[in-house]
Amino acid sequence: MIRVIVQICVGSSCHLKGSEDIVSLLQSAIEERNLSNDITLAGNFCTGKCNREGVTVTVDDNIYTGVTKDNFKEFFEDKILKALKEEG
């Protein structure tokens, strides 16, 4: 049963700010933790929350802006793993 849906913005602004890198980091983090049955990754187009830095990522119904390679680990632990614990 899939419990958390993570959507990465792939609109033009986020694409230029590294959405492809964030997708790769998410795929790796999910695989390393064997969470593929608990998380669904999806792309989406502009959520209207563009930020000057980083990518917009939606975790279930919560929108987060400014996700970068530098803050990815903290984002994954604080937002995605926390959401899994709350769902579980």
Protein backbone atom coordinates (compact mmCIF):
# COMPACT_ATOMS: atom_id res chain seq x y z
CA MET A 1 0.00 0.00 0.00
CA ILE A 2 1.43 3.34 -1.08
CA ARG A 3 1.18 5.91 1.64
CA VAL A 4 2.96 9.08 0.51
CA ILE A 5 2.79 10.81 -2.86
CA VAL A 6 5.76 13.00 -3.78
CA GLN A 7 5.38 15.26 -6.81
CA ILE A 8 8.35 17.12 -8.27
CA CYS A 9 7.70 20.21 -10.35
CA VAL A 10 9.14 19.80 -13.84
CA GLY A 11 7.88 23.12 -15.17
CA SER A 12 10.38 25.33 -16.98
CA SER A 13 11.47 27.33 -13.91
CA CYS A 14 12.07 24.28 -11.70
CA HIS A 15 13.63 22.40 -14.59
CA LEU A 16 16.23 25.14 -14.93
CA LYS A 17 16.80 25.05 -11.15
CA GLY A 18 17.57 21.32 -11.07
CA SER A 19 14.38 19.29 -10.91
CA GLU A 20 16.14 16.46 -12.77
CA ASP A 21 18.76 16.31 -9.99
CA ILE A 22 16.06 16.25 -7.31
CA VAL A 23 14.27 13.39 -9.09
CA SER A 24 17.52 11.40 -9.16
CA LEU A 25 18.21 12.10 -5.49
CA LEU A 26 14.69 11.03 -4.55
CA GLN A 27 14.95 7.83 -6.56
CA SER A 28 18.25 6.97 -4.89
CA ALA A 29 17.05 7.79 -1.37
CA ILE A 30 13.90 5.70 -1.83
CA GLU A 31 15.85 2.76 -3.25
CA GLU A 32 18.52 2.90 -0.51
CA ARG A 33 15.84 2.77 2.19
CA ASN A 34 13.70 0.17 0.38
CA LEU A 35 10.69 2.52 0.39
CA SER A 36 9.44 1.93 -3.16
CA ASN A 37 6.24 0.36 -1.83
CA ASP A 38 5.59 3.32 0.48
CA ILE A 39 6.26 6.30 -1.79
CA THR A 40 4.96 7.20 -5.23
CA LEU A 41 7.07 9.64 -7.24
CA ALA A 42 5.37 11.76 -9.86
CA GLY A 43 6.11 14.84 -11.90
CA ASN A 44 3.81 17.81 -12.09
CA PHE A 45 3.83 21.14 -13.81
CA CYS A 46 3.92 24.54 -12.19
CA THR A 47 2.17 24.78 -8.83
CA GLY A 48 2.42 28.56 -8.91
CA LYS A 49 4.87 28.59 -6.00
CA CYS A 50 8.06 29.34 -7.93
CA ASN A 51 10.99 30.34 -5.78
CA ARG A 52 14.21 32.12 -6.66
CA GLU A 53 16.22 29.09 -5.67
CA GLY A 54 15.53 25.38 -5.88
CA VAL A 55 12.68 23.17 -6.92
CA THR A 56 9.08 22.96 -5.71
CA VAL A 57 8.12 19.55 -4.31
CA THR A 58 4.69 18.49 -3.06
CA VAL A 59 4.49 15.81 -0.36
CA ASP A 60 0.90 14.62 -0.19
CA ASP A 61 -0.90 18.00 0.03
CA ASN A 62 2.00 20.05 1.41
CA ILE A 63 3.97 22.24 -1.00
CA TYR A 64 7.65 22.94 -0.29
CA THR A 65 9.77 25.37 -2.26
CA GLY A 66 13.51 25.80 -2.58
CA VAL A 67 14.58 22.14 -2.55
CA THR A 68 18.19 21.90 -3.76
CA LYS A 69 20.95 19.30 -3.86
CA ASP A 70 22.46 21.04 -0.82
CA ASN A 71 19.36 20.81 1.39
CA PHE A 72 17.95 17.58 -0.06
CA LYS A 73 19.00 15.27 2.77
CA GLU A 74 17.38 17.50 5.39
CA PHE A 75 14.25 17.88 3.23
CA PHE A 76 13.96 14.11 2.73
CA GLU A 77 14.32 13.36 6.42
CA ASP A 78 12.18 16.24 7.72
CA LYS A 79 9.35 16.15 5.19
CA ILE A 80 9.15 12.77 3.46
CA LEU A 81 10.26 10.38 6.19
CA LYS A 82 8.22 12.35 8.73
CA ALA A 83 5.15 12.07 6.47
CA LEU A 84 5.68 8.29 6.25
CA LYS A 85 5.84 8.01 10.05
CA GLU A 86 2.66 10.06 10.42
CA GLU A 87 0.84 7.87 7.87
CA GLY A 88 2.09 4.66 9.48
